[in-house]
Protein backbone atom coordinates (compact mmCIF):
# COMPACT_ATOMS: atom_id res chain seq x y z
CA MET A 1 10.82 93.14 -123.37
CA LYS A 2 12.99 93.87 -126.27
CA MET A 3 14.77 91.58 -128.82
CA ILE A 4 17.70 92.92 -130.08
CA PHE A 5 19.39 92.10 -133.65
CA ALA A 6 22.84 93.54 -133.99
CA VAL A 7 25.42 92.98 -137.48
CA VAL A 8 28.40 93.51 -136.21
CA ALA A 9 31.84 93.59 -137.77
CA ASP A 10 34.11 90.17 -136.95
CA ARG A 11 36.87 92.59 -135.31
CA PHE A 12 34.45 93.84 -132.76
CA ILE A 13 32.28 90.89 -131.71
CA ARG A 14 34.72 88.61 -129.23
CA ASN A 15 35.20 91.72 -127.23
CA LEU A 16 31.28 92.30 -127.37
CA VAL A 17 30.09 89.46 -126.41
CA ASP A 18 32.65 89.09 -122.91
CA GLU A 19 31.59 92.76 -122.16
CA LEU A 20 27.59 92.13 -122.75
CA MET A 21 28.64 88.58 -120.69
CA ASP A 22 30.25 90.49 -117.87
CA VAL A 23 26.92 92.77 -117.32
CA GLY A 24 25.20 90.04 -117.52
CA ILE A 25 23.42 90.06 -120.76
CA SER A 26 23.25 86.51 -122.87
CA VAL A 27 24.08 86.43 -126.07
CA THR A 28 23.33 84.61 -129.32
CA GLU A 29 26.02 84.73 -131.92
CA ILE A 30 24.99 83.40 -135.92
CA SER A 31 27.05 83.14 -138.48
CA SER A 32 26.02 85.82 -141.18
CA THR A 33 27.39 87.07 -144.48
CA GLY A 34 26.57 89.78 -146.50
CA GLY A 35 27.10 93.26 -147.88
CA PHE A 36 25.29 95.40 -144.92
CA LEU A 37 28.86 96.41 -143.29
CA SER A 38 31.08 95.51 -146.17
CA GLN A 39 33.40 93.60 -144.56
CA GLY A 40 33.11 89.95 -142.33
CA ASN A 41 30.50 89.79 -139.59
CA THR A 42 28.63 88.45 -136.93
CA THR A 43 25.15 88.58 -136.05
CA ILE A 44 23.97 88.85 -132.27
CA VAL A 45 20.15 88.39 -131.41
CA ILE A 46 19.99 89.42 -127.39
CA GLY A 47 16.46 89.51 -125.21
CA VAL A 48 16.30 91.73 -122.84
CA LYS A 49 14.46 93.65 -120.38
CA GLU A 50 13.75 97.88 -120.72
CA GLU A 51 15.19 98.64 -117.64
CA LYS A 52 18.81 97.01 -119.64
CA MET A 53 18.44 98.84 -122.45
CA ALA A 54 20.53 101.29 -120.83
CA ILE A 55 23.55 98.83 -119.71
CA LEU A 56 22.80 97.57 -123.37
CA ASP A 57 24.38 100.94 -124.78
CA LYS A 58 26.91 101.68 -123.06
CA VAL A 59 28.52 98.08 -123.63
CA PHE A 60 28.03 98.54 -127.39
CA THR A 61 29.06 103.11 -127.35
CA LYS A 62 32.31 101.22 -125.38
CA VAL A 63 33.40 98.40 -127.88
CA ILE A 64 32.30 99.42 -131.41
CA THR A 65 34.48 101.58 -132.17
CA LYS A 66 35.17 104.42 -136.03
CA LYS A 67 37.92 103.44 -138.45
CA LYS A 68 40.10 106.28 -138.11
CA ASP A 69 41.17 106.33 -141.80
CA ASP A 70 37.27 105.77 -142.31
CA PRO A 71 35.01 107.66 -139.52
CA LYS A 72 31.86 107.20 -141.74
CA GLU A 73 32.12 103.42 -141.49
CA SER A 74 30.04 101.61 -139.09
CA GLY A 75 31.23 98.80 -136.90
CA ALA A 76 27.71 97.93 -136.00
CA HIS A 77 23.99 97.88 -137.02
CA PHE A 78 21.85 97.90 -134.36
CA PHE A 79 17.83 96.59 -134.43
CA ALA A 80 15.36 96.57 -131.54
CA VAL A 81 12.15 95.45 -131.52
CA ASP A 82 9.23 95.14 -128.98
CA LEU A 83 8.55 92.02 -127.91
CA GLU A 84 4.68 91.35 -125.89
CA GLN A 85 6.24 87.93 -124.44
CA GLY A 86 9.07 86.19 -123.90
CA LEU A 87 10.06 82.93 -122.95
CA HIS A 88 12.88 81.22 -121.15
CA ILE A 89 12.44 77.39 -120.90
């Protein structure tokens, strides 16, 4: 099991959350601020089984795009942490 923390540019968050929900991946949104993406952002938290990581990667790759005027700018920073146990109560 993985715990995913992703800091996502606000311009992508609605489409990303909708796409994740469409493939059965639940998301928790946390309002966040800071200079990490040098723009408005939202942090999402996702608990996902290993076998869904490929689906998660496909959704992020589909939704998050580079700005044409600044191809080096990132639209999301994604962190995956291994979990020993996850409970859904």
